[in-house]
Protein backbone atom coordinates (compact mmCIF):
# COMPACT_ATOMS: atom_id res chain seq x y z
CA MET A 1 -1.91 0.74 -5.73
CA PRO A 2 -0.62 2.79 -8.66
CA ILE A 3 0.01 6.09 -7.88
CA TYR A 4 -1.50 9.11 -10.20
CA GLU A 5 -1.00 12.91 -10.65
CA PHE A 6 -4.19 14.99 -10.14
CA HIS A 7 -5.01 18.35 -10.69
CA CYS A 8 -7.39 19.72 -7.92
CA ASP A 9 -10.01 22.14 -9.72
CA ASP A 10 -10.55 24.35 -6.56
CA CYS A 11 -7.09 25.12 -5.27
CA GLY A 12 -5.01 24.68 -8.62
CA GLN A 13 -2.59 22.06 -6.82
CA GLU A 14 -1.13 19.18 -8.40
CA ASN A 15 -0.58 16.31 -6.48
CA GLU A 16 0.81 12.63 -6.41
CA ILE A 17 -1.76 10.62 -4.69
CA LEU A 18 -1.61 6.54 -3.90
CA VAL A 19 -5.25 5.46 -4.82
CA ARG A 20 -7.03 2.49 -6.53
CA SER A 21 -7.14 2.86 -9.96
CA ARG A 22 -10.85 2.49 -10.35
CA GLN A 23 -12.09 4.06 -7.11
CA TRP A 24 -10.32 7.67 -7.07
CA GLU A 25 -13.61 9.72 -7.66
CA GLY A 26 -14.02 10.75 -4.13
CA THR A 27 -10.31 11.17 -3.51
CA PRO A 28 -9.70 14.30 -1.24
CA CYS A 29 -6.92 16.84 -2.39
CA PRO A 30 -4.15 16.52 0.00
CA ALA A 31 -3.93 20.74 0.02
CA CYS A 32 -7.47 21.63 0.42
CA GLY A 33 -9.52 18.62 0.92
CA SER A 34 -11.82 19.07 -2.18
CA THR A 35 -12.94 16.20 -3.87
CA ARG A 36 -12.76 18.10 -7.73
CA LEU A 37 -9.96 16.42 -8.95
CA THR A 38 -8.96 15.73 -12.26
CA LYS A 39 -6.43 13.15 -13.40
CA ILE A 40 -3.62 14.45 -15.21
CA LEU A 41 -1.23 12.46 -17.64
CA SER A 42 1.89 11.72 -15.66
CA THR A 43 5.29 11.58 -17.00
CA PHE A 44 8.05 9.13 -16.33
CA ALA A 45 11.70 9.21 -16.42
CA ALA A 46 13.69 6.34 -18.04
CA SER A 47 17.64 5.76 -18.40
CA VAL A 48 19.65 4.05 -20.94
CA ALA A 49 23.20 2.79 -20.48
CA GLY A 50 25.79 5.27 -21.15
CA GLY A 51 23.74 8.09 -19.90
CA SER A 52 22.08 9.22 -23.11
CA SER A 53 18.45 8.96 -24.22
CA GLY A 54 19.52 9.45 -27.89
CA GLY A 55 16.30 11.39 -28.60
CA ALA A 56 15.69 15.28 -28.73
CA GLY A 57 13.81 14.87 -25.47
CA PRO A 58 10.15 16.77 -24.81
CA THR A 59 9.25 20.13 -26.77
CA CYS A 60 8.04 22.73 -24.53
CA SER A 61 5.26 25.40 -25.92
CA GLY A 62 5.44 27.34 -22.46
CA VAL A 63 1.88 26.48 -21.65
CA PRO A 64 1.42 24.54 -18.26
CA ARG A 65 1.49 20.72 -18.73
CA SER A 66 2.39 21.18 -22.34
CA CYS A 67 5.53 19.08 -21.55
CA GLY A 68 4.47 17.39 -18.27
CA MET A 69 6.66 19.21 -16.37
CA CYS A 70 5.96 22.62 -17.10
CA GLY A 71 3.59 24.66 -14.57
CA THR A 72 4.51 21.85 -11.89
CA GLY A 73 7.07 23.83 -9.74
CA LYS A 74 9.84 21.28 -10.62
CA PRO A 75 12.79 22.30 -12.19
CA HIS A 76 13.33 21.12 -15.78
CA SER A 77 14.99 22.03 -18.98
CA HIS A 78 14.23 21.37 -22.90
């Protein structure tokens, strides 16, 4: 089963939840138990031999979730 990221419309928490891909509706929020979840776009990390990604990386407008990390409470930089 894949892990998906969800935003709870009731408490505002974002969580990673292990669910069946076609049967995620009705999955409760681990923080408050609400079933009003919205699936959000997940970001992933990749590494390249030599330690350089060769790209400029994501840009951030400062709006939560604009770069996939802002607003999550997880440390990141741009």
